[in-house]
Amino acid sequence: MRKCGYAPFHDSYVKVLSSSGYPRFHIYINESDSQYVLNLHLDQKRPSYGKETAHNGEYDGKVVEEEVNQIIKIVDRGFN
């Protein structure tokens, strides 16, 4: 994940896109049947918690798709 520009963050990884910390890509990695499954989303702003839980993650869209393609390219180069 470091080759892709991500840093460890608790039990996941993040790729910060601005000095304020947001937006940022946030990725969780799970192992399933000897494969790694990546769960990626884009956090546009800090989550707000209080009386209601609000998560501002985008799980699809052009920006997320472009990041997925970038990760695939980097991983393919590392294993080929």
PDB file of N, CA and C in Angstrom:
ATOM      1  N   MET A   1       0.822  -1.185   0.000  1.00  0.00           N
ATOM      2  CA  MET A   1       0.000   0.000   0.000  1.00  0.00           C
ATOM      3  C   MET A   1       0.874   1.260   0.000  1.00  0.00           C
ATOM      4  N   ARG A   2       2.042   1.155   0.609  1.00  0.00           N
ATOM      5  CA  ARG A   2       2.939   2.320   0.614  1.00  0.00           C
ATOM      6  C   ARG A   2       3.350   2.709  -0.809  1.00  0.00           C
ATOM      7  N   LYS A   3       3.578   1.709  -1.676  1.00  0.00           N
ATOM      8  CA  LYS A   3       3.917   2.012  -3.069  1.00  0.00           C
ATOM      9  C   LYS A   3       2.806   2.775  -3.766  1.00  0.00           C
ATOM     10  N   CYS A   4       1.574   2.600  -3.301  1.00  0.00           N
ATOM     11  CA  CYS A   4       0.415   3.279  -3.888  1.00  0.00           C
ATOM     12  C   CYS A   4       0.166   4.636  -3.236  1.00  0.00           C
ATOM     13  N   GLY A   5       1.010   5.021  -2.271  1.00  0.00           N
ATOM     14  CA  GLY A   5       0.879   6.326  -1.635  1.00  0.00           C
ATOM     15  C   GLY A   5       0.043   6.321  -0.364  1.00  0.00           C
ATOM     16  N   TYR A   6      -0.234   5.137   0.186  1.00  0.00           N
ATOM     17  CA  TYR A   6      -1.069   5.013   1.377  1.00  0.00           C
ATOM     18  C   TYR A   6      -0.208   4.847   2.625  1.00  0.00           C
ATOM     19  N   ALA A   7      -0.724   5.353   3.738  1.00  0.00           N
ATOM     20  CA  ALA A   7      -0.057   5.212   5.024  1.00  0.00           C
ATOM     21  C   ALA A   7      -0.964   4.430   5.965  1.00  0.00           C
ATOM     22  N   PRO A   8      -0.381   3.653   6.887  1.00  0.00           N
ATOM     23  CA  PRO A   8      -1.199   2.924   7.850  1.00  0.00           C
ATOM     24  C   PRO A   8      -2.046   3.885   8.688  1.00  0.00           C
ATOM     25  N   PHE A   9      -3.279   3.460   8.970  1.00  0.00           N
ATOM     26  CA  PHE A   9      -4.204   4.259   9.778  1.00  0.00           C
ATOM     27  C   PHE A   9      -5.091   3.293  10.537  1.00  0.00           C
ATOM     28  N   HIS A  10      -4.811   3.112  11.822  1.00  0.00           N
ATOM     29  CA  HIS A  10      -5.521   2.145  12.667  1.00  0.00           C
ATOM     30  C   HIS A  10      -5.472   0.769  11.990  1.00  0.00           C
ATOM     31  N   ASP A  11      -6.596   0.205  11.613  1.00  0.00           N
ATOM     32  CA  ASP A  11      -6.626  -1.111  10.968  1.00  0.00           C
ATOM     33  C   ASP A  11      -6.867  -0.984   9.462  1.00  0.00           C
ATOM     34  N   SER A  12      -6.436   0.124   8.879  1.00  0.00           N
ATOM     35  CA  SER A  12      -6.663   0.399   7.465  1.00  0.00           C
ATOM     36  C   SER A  12      -5.508   1.249   6.928  1.00  0.00           C
ATOM     37  N   TYR A  13      -5.713   1.841   5.758  1.00  0.00           N
ATOM     38  CA  TYR A  13      -4.717   2.710   5.139  1.00  0.00           C
ATOM     39  C   TYR A  13      -5.427   3.934   4.569  1.00  0.00           C
ATOM     40  N   VAL A  14      -4.715   5.066   4.554  1.00  0.00           N
ATOM     41  CA  VAL A  14      -5.279   6.274   3.966  1.00  0.00           C
ATOM     42  C   VAL A  14      -4.268   6.922   3.023  1.00  0.00           C
ATOM     43  N   LYS A  15      -4.811   7.622   2.045  1.00  0.00           N
ATOM     44  CA  LYS A  15      -4.017   8.429   1.120  1.00  0.00           C
ATOM     45  C   LYS A  15      -4.636   9.821   1.159  1.00  0.00           C
ATOM     46  N   VAL A  16      -3.963  10.730   1.844  1.00  0.00           N
ATOM     47  CA  VAL A  16      -4.474  12.082   2.054  1.00  0.00           C
ATOM     48  C   VAL A  16      -4.229  12.919   0.814  1.00  0.00           C
ATOM     49  N   LEU A  17      -5.251  13.662   0.391  1.00  0.00           N
ATOM     50  CA  LEU A  17      -5.174  14.443  -0.838  1.00  0.00           C
ATOM     51  C   LEU A  17      -4.981  15.935  -0.609  1.00  0.00           C
ATOM     52  N   SER A  18      -5.058  16.400   0.645  1.00  0.00           N
ATOM     53  CA  SER A  18      -4.792  17.819   0.918  1.00  0.00           C
ATOM     54  C   SER A  18      -4.211  17.959   2.325  1.00  0.00           C
ATOM     55  N   SER A  19      -3.633  19.101   2.603  1.00  0.00           N
ATOM     56  CA  SER A  19      -2.973  19.316   3.887  1.00  0.00           C
ATOM     57  C   SER A  19      -3.944  19.326   5.062  1.00  0.00           C
ATOM     58  N   SER A  20      -5.223  19.523   4.817  1.00  0.00           N
ATOM     59  CA  SER A  20      -6.214  19.518   5.896  1.00  0.00           C
ATOM     60  C   SER A  20      -6.569  18.099   6.343  1.00  0.00           C
ATOM     61  N   GLY A  21      -6.130  17.106   5.586  1.00  0.00           N
ATOM     62  CA  GLY A  21      -6.440  15.715   5.902  1.00  0.00           C
ATOM     63  C   GLY A  21      -7.628  15.162   5.134  1.00  0.00           C
ATOM     64  N   TYR A  22      -8.377  16.038   4.494  1.00  0.00           N
ATOM     65  CA  TYR A  22      -9.551  15.658   3.697  1.00  0.00           C
ATOM     66  C   TYR A  22      -9.577  16.499   2.446  1.00  0.00           C
ATOM     67  N   PRO A  23      -9.986  15.951   1.341  1.00  0.00           N
ATOM     68  CA  PRO A  23     -10.440  14.583   1.123  1.00  0.00           C
ATOM     69  C   PRO A  23      -9.277  13.596   1.223  1.00  0.00           C
ATOM     70  N   ARG A  24      -9.644  12.342   1.397  1.00  0.00           N
ATOM     71  CA  ARG A  24      -8.639  11.280   1.460  1.00  0.00           C
ATOM     72  C   ARG A  24      -9.276   9.972   1.015  1.00  0.00           C
ATOM     73  N   PHE A  25      -8.453   9.128   0.406  1.00  0.00           N
ATOM     74  CA  PHE A  25      -8.881   7.777   0.105  1.00  0.00           C
ATOM     75  C   PHE A  25      -8.657   6.938   1.357  1.00  0.00           C
ATOM     76  N   HIS A  26      -9.576   6.046   1.627  1.00  0.00           N
ATOM     77  CA  HIS A  26      -9.510   5.195   2.817  1.00  0.00           C
ATOM     78  C   HIS A  26      -9.762   3.768   2.359  1.00  0.00           C
ATOM     79  N   ILE A  27      -8.857   2.875   2.728  1.00  0.00           N
ATOM     80  CA  ILE A  27      -8.948   1.510   2.224  1.00  0.00           C
ATOM     81  C   ILE A  27      -8.781   0.503   3.361  1.00  0.00           C
ATOM     82  N   TYR A  28      -9.649  -0.491   3.357  1.00  0.00           N
ATOM     83  CA  TYR A  28      -9.569  -1.613   4.273  1.00  0.00           C
ATOM     84  C   TYR A  28      -9.172  -2.839   3.464  1.00  0.00           C
ATOM     85  N   ILE A  29      -8.358  -3.692   4.047  1.00  0.00           N
ATOM     86  CA  ILE A  29      -7.910  -4.907   3.367  1.00  0.00           C
ATOM     87  C   ILE A  29      -8.354  -6.111   4.185  1.00  0.00           C
ATOM     88  N   ASN A  30      -9.045  -7.020   3.529  1.00  0.00           N
ATOM     89  CA  ASN A  30      -9.477  -8.270   4.155  1.00  0.00           C
ATOM     90  C   ASN A  30      -8.938  -9.434   3.346  1.00  0.00           C
ATOM     91  N   GLU A  31      -8.594 -10.518   4.049  1.00  0.00           N
ATOM     92  CA  GLU A  31      -8.153 -11.718   3.355  1.00  0.00           C
ATOM     93  C   GLU A  31      -9.325 -12.691   3.292  1.00  0.00           C
ATOM     94  N   SER A  32      -9.578 -13.190   2.082  1.00  0.00           N
ATOM     95  CA  SER A  32     -10.693 -14.109   1.875  1.00  0.00           C
ATOM     96  C   SER A  32     -10.268 -15.179   0.884  1.00  0.00           C
ATOM     97  N   ASP A  33     -10.317 -16.433   1.299  1.00  0.00           N
ATOM     98  CA  ASP A  33      -9.956 -17.548   0.414  1.00  0.00           C
ATOM     99  C   ASP A  33      -8.606 -17.337  -0.265  1.00  0.00           C
ATOM    100  N   SER A  34      -7.598 -17.001   0.508  1.00  0.00           N
ATOM    101  CA  SER A  34      -6.230 -16.789   0.010  1.00  0.00           C
ATOM    102  C   SER A  34      -6.119 -15.626  -0.975  1.00  0.00           C
ATOM    103  N   GLN A  35      -7.081 -14.715  -0.932  1.00  0.00           N
ATOM    104  CA  GLN A  35      -7.041 -13.504  -1.755  1.00  0.00           C
ATOM    105  C   GLN A  35      -7.202 -12.301  -0.841  1.00  0.00           C
ATOM    106  N   TYR A  36      -6.713 -11.166  -1.308  1.00  0.00           N
ATOM    107  CA  TYR A  36      -6.936  -9.930  -0.583  1.00  0.00           C
ATOM    108  C   TYR A  36      -8.082  -9.183  -1.243  1.00  0.00           C
ATOM    109  N   VAL A  37      -9.017  -8.728  -0.433  1.00  0.00           N
ATOM    110  CA  VAL A  37     -10.155  -7.953  -0.908  1.00  0.00           C
ATOM    111  C   VAL A  37      -9.992  -6.538  -0.373  1.00  0.00           C
ATOM    112  N   LEU A  38      -9.953  -5.569  -1.295  1.00  0.00           N
ATOM    113  CA  LEU A  38      -9.773  -4.175  -0.917  1.00  0.00           C
ATOM    114  C   LEU A  38     -11.109  -3.464  -0.928  1.00  0.00           C
ATOM    115  N   ASN A  39     -11.392  -2.740   0.135  1.00  0.00           N
ATOM    116  CA  ASN A  39     -12.608  -1.951   0.254  1.00  0.00           C
ATOM    117  C   ASN A  39     -12.185  -0.486   0.288  1.00  0.00           C
ATOM    118  N   LEU A  40     -12.391   0.209  -0.811  1.00  0.00           N
ATOM    119  CA  LEU A  40     -11.919   1.584  -0.983  1.00  0.00           C
ATOM    120  C   LEU A  40     -13.085   2.550  -1.008  1.00  0.00           C
ATOM    121  N   HIS A  41     -12.902   3.671  -0.343  1.00  0.00           N
ATOM    122  CA  HIS A  41     -13.858   4.762  -0.476  1.00  0.00           C
ATOM    123  C   HIS A  41     -13.116   6.091  -0.344  1.00  0.00           C
ATOM    124  N   LEU A  42     -13.782   7.153  -0.751  1.00  0.00           N
ATOM    125  CA  LEU A  42     -13.226   8.501  -0.687  1.00  0.00           C
ATOM    126  C   LEU A  42     -13.961   9.259   0.404  1.00  0.00           C
ATOM    127  N   ASP A  43     -13.229   9.673   1.426  1.00  0.00           N
ATOM    128  CA  ASP A  43     -13.795  10.514   2.482  1.00  0.00           C
ATOM    129  C   ASP A  43     -13.653  11.962   2.036  1.00  0.00           C
ATOM    130  N   GLN A  44     -14.774  12.628   1.754  1.00  0.00           N
ATOM    131  CA  GLN A  44     -14.733  14.019   1.302  1.00  0.00           C
ATOM    132  C   GLN A  44     -14.473  14.986   2.446  1.00  0.00           C
ATOM    133  N   LYS A  45     -15.005  14.649   3.630  1.00  0.00           N
ATOM    134  CA  LYS A  45     -14.782  15.504   4.797  1.00  0.00           C
ATOM    135  C   LYS A  45     -14.825  14.655   6.049  1.00  0.00           C
ATOM    136  N   ARG A  46     -14.400  15.249   7.134  1.00  0.00           N
ATOM    137  CA  ARG A  46     -14.352  14.562   8.423  1.00  0.00           C
ATOM    138  C   ARG A  46     -15.755  14.080   8.795  1.00  0.00           C
ATOM    139  N   PRO A  47     -15.865  12.829   9.268  1.00  0.00           N
ATOM    140  CA  PRO A  47     -17.188  12.343   9.676  1.00  0.00           C
ATOM    141  C   PRO A  47     -17.707  13.138  10.864  1.00  0.00           C
ATOM    142  N   SER A  48     -18.998  13.336  10.918  1.00  0.00           N
ATOM    143  CA  SER A  48     -19.595  14.043  12.047  1.00  0.00           C
ATOM    144  C   SER A  48     -20.368  13.043  12.888  1.00  0.00           C
ATOM    145  N   TYR A  49     -20.047  13.016  14.145  1.00  0.00           N
ATOM    146  CA  TYR A  49     -20.718  12.112  15.078  1.00  0.00           C
ATOM    147  C   TYR A  49     -21.330  12.953  16.184  1.00  0.00           C
ATOM    148  N   GLY A  50     -22.398  12.544  16.677  1.00  0.00           N
ATOM    149  CA  GLY A  50     -23.120  13.230  17.736  1.00  0.00           C
ATOM    150  C   GLY A  50     -24.368  12.434  17.975  1.00  0.00           C
ATOM    151  N   LYS A  51     -25.494  13.083  17.846  1.00  0.00           N
ATOM    152  CA  LYS A  51     -26.757  12.365  17.987  1.00  0.00           C
ATOM    153  C   LYS A  51     -26.989  11.431  16.807  1.00  0.00           C
ATOM    154  N   GLU A  52     -26.431  11.776  15.658  1.00  0.00           N
ATOM    155  CA  GLU A  52     -26.568  10.949  14.459  1.00  0.00           C
ATOM    156  C   GLU A  52     -25.190  10.636  13.912  1.00  0.00           C
ATOM    157  N   THR A  53     -25.061   9.479  13.302  1.00  0.00           N
ATOM    158  CA  THR A  53     -23.803   9.095  12.671  1.00  0.00           C
ATOM    159  C   THR A  53     -23.858   9.479  11.202  1.00  0.00           C
ATOM    160  N   ALA A  54     -22.860  10.192  10.762  1.00  0.00           N
ATOM    161  CA  ALA A  54     -22.799  10.589   9.363  1.00  0.00           C
ATOM    162  C   ALA A  54     -21.418  10.252   8.825  1.00  0.00           C
ATOM    163  N   HIS A  55     -21.390   9.461   7.791  1.00  0.00           N
ATOM    164  CA  HIS A  55     -20.137   9.122   7.128  1.00  0.00           C
ATOM    165  C   HIS A  55     -20.217   9.675   5.726  1.00  0.00           C
ATOM    166  N   ASN A  56     -19.184  10.391   5.322  1.00  0.00           N
ATOM    167  CA  ASN A  56     -19.191  11.075   4.034  1.00  0.00           C
ATOM    168  C   ASN A  56     -18.362  10.346   2.997  1.00  0.00           C
ATOM    169  N   GLY A  57     -18.433   9.025   2.988  1.00  0.00           N
ATOM    170  CA  GLY A  57     -17.639   8.238   2.057  1.00  0.00           C
ATOM    171  C   GLY A  57     -18.348   8.013   0.737  1.00  0.00           C
ATOM    172  N   GLU A  58     -17.560   8.135  -0.338  1.00  0.00           N
ATOM    173  CA  GLU A  58     -18.053   7.811  -1.678  1.00  0.00           C
ATOM    174  C   GLU A  58     -17.411   6.499  -2.088  1.00  0.00           C
ATOM    175  N   TYR A  59     -18.232   5.519  -2.444  1.00  0.00           N
ATOM    176  CA  TYR A  59     -17.742   4.188  -2.777  1.00  0.00           C
ATOM    177  C   TYR A  59     -17.686   3.934  -4.278  1.00  0.00           C
ATOM    178  N   ASP A  60     -18.186   4.857  -5.071  1.00  0.00           N
ATOM    179  CA  ASP A  60     -18.121   4.710  -6.522  1.00  0.00           C
ATOM    180  C   ASP A  60     -18.006   6.095  -7.143  1.00  0.00           C
ATOM    181  N   GLY A  61     -17.963   6.124  -8.449  1.00  0.00           N
ATOM    182  CA  GLY A  61     -17.790   7.388  -9.155  1.00  0.00           C
ATOM    183  C   GLY A  61     -16.445   7.433  -9.859  1.00  0.00           C
ATOM    184  N   LYS A  62     -16.280   8.442 -10.674  1.00  0.00           N
ATOM    185  CA  LYS A  62     -15.097   8.556 -11.531  1.00  0.00           C
ATOM    186  C   LYS A  62     -13.791   8.631 -10.731  1.00  0.00           C
ATOM    187  N   VAL A  63     -13.761   9.429  -9.678  1.00  0.00           N
ATOM    188  CA  VAL A  63     -12.527   9.600  -8.900  1.00  0.00           C
ATOM    189  C   VAL A  63     -12.125   8.286  -8.239  1.00  0.00           C
ATOM    190  N   VAL A  64     -13.087   7.576  -7.685  1.00  0.00           N
ATOM    191  CA  VAL A  64     -12.800   6.289  -7.040  1.00  0.00           C
ATOM    192  C   VAL A  64     -12.349   5.268  -8.078  1.00  0.00           C
ATOM    193  N   GLU A  65     -13.022   5.231  -9.228  1.00  0.00           N
ATOM    194  CA  GLU A  65     -12.628   4.304 -10.297  1.00  0.00           C
ATOM    195  C   GLU A  65     -11.208   4.581 -10.776  1.00  0.00           C
ATOM    196  N   GLU A  66     -10.841   5.848 -10.906  1.00  0.00           N
ATOM    197  CA  GLU A  66      -9.482   6.199 -11.328  1.00  0.00           C
ATOM    198  C   GLU A  66      -8.453   5.733 -10.303  1.00  0.00           C
ATOM    199  N   GLU A  67      -8.771   5.856  -9.022  1.00  0.00           N
ATOM    200  CA  GLU A  67      -7.850   5.400  -7.981  1.00  0.00           C
ATOM    201  C   GLU A  67      -7.717   3.880  -8.010  1.00  0.00           C
ATOM    202  N   VAL A  68      -8.816   3.179  -8.212  1.00  0.00           N
ATOM    203  CA  VAL A  68      -8.762   1.717  -8.331  1.00  0.00           C
ATOM    204  C   VAL A  68      -7.846   1.323  -9.487  1.00  0.00           C
ATOM    205  N   ASN A  69      -8.013   1.965 -10.633  1.00  0.00           N
ATOM    206  CA  ASN A  69      -7.165   1.660 -11.797  1.00  0.00           C
ATOM    207  C   ASN A  69      -5.706   1.948 -11.508  1.00  0.00           C
ATOM    208  N   GLN A  70      -5.428   3.024 -10.782  1.00  0.00           N
ATOM    209  CA  GLN A  70      -4.044   3.363 -10.428  1.00  0.00           C
ATOM    210  C   GLN A  70      -3.452   2.293  -9.510  1.00  0.00           C
ATOM    211  N   ILE A  71      -4.208   1.842  -8.535  1.00  0.00           N
ATOM    212  CA  ILE A  71      -3.730   0.792  -7.626  1.00  0.00           C
ATOM    213  C   ILE A  71      -3.455  -0.486  -8.408  1.00  0.00           C
ATOM    214  N   ILE A  72      -4.346  -0.850  -9.309  1.00  0.00           N
ATOM    215  CA  ILE A  72      -4.157  -2.066 -10.119  1.00  0.00           C
ATOM    216  C   ILE A  72      -2.882  -1.962 -10.931  1.00  0.00           C
ATOM    217  N   LYS A  73      -2.614  -0.827 -11.542  1.00  0.00           N
ATOM    218  CA  LYS A  73      -1.376  -0.650 -12.329  1.00  0.00           C
ATOM    219  C   LYS A  73      -0.139  -0.828 -11.463  1.00  0.00           C
ATOM    220  N   ILE A  74      -0.138  -0.225 -10.280  1.00  0.00           N
ATOM    221  CA  ILE A  74       1.018  -0.307  -9.402  1.00  0.00           C
ATOM    222  C   ILE A  74       1.225  -1.733  -8.903  1.00  0.00           C
ATOM    223  N   VAL A  75       0.151  -2.384  -8.512  1.00  0.00           N
ATOM    224  CA  VAL A  75       0.251  -3.775  -8.043  1.00  0.00           C
ATOM    225  C   VAL A  75       0.713  -4.695  -9.170  1.00  0.00           C
ATOM    226  N   ASP A  76       0.168  -4.537 -10.367  1.00  0.00           N
ATOM    227  CA  ASP A  76       0.588  -5.363 -11.502  1.00  0.00           C
ATOM    228  C   ASP A  76       2.071  -5.178 -11.798  1.00  0.00           C
ATOM    229  N   ARG A  77       2.572  -3.972 -11.730  1.00  0.00           N
ATOM    230  CA  ARG A  77       4.006  -3.737 -11.973  1.00  0.00           C
ATOM    231  C   ARG A  77       4.862  -4.419 -10.922  1.00  0.00           C
ATOM    232  N   GLY A  78       4.362  -4.481  -9.683  1.00  0.00           N
ATOM    233  CA  GLY A  78       5.122  -5.084  -8.604  1.00  0.00           C
ATOM    234  C   GLY A  78       5.165  -6.600  -8.654  1.00  0.00           C
ATOM    235  N   PHE A  79       4.179  -7.220  -9.298  1.00  0.00           N
ATOM    236  CA  PHE A  79       4.120  -8.675  -9.334  1.00  0.00           C
ATOM    237  C   PHE A  79       4.507  -9.250 -10.673  1.00  0.00           C
ATOM    238  N   ASN A  80       4.765  -8.410 -11.652  1.00  0.00           N
ATOM    239  CA  ASN A  80       5.155  -8.904 -12.997  1.00  0.00           C
ATOM    240  C   ASN A  80       6.610  -8.607 -13.277  1.00  0.00           C
TER     241      ASN A  80
END
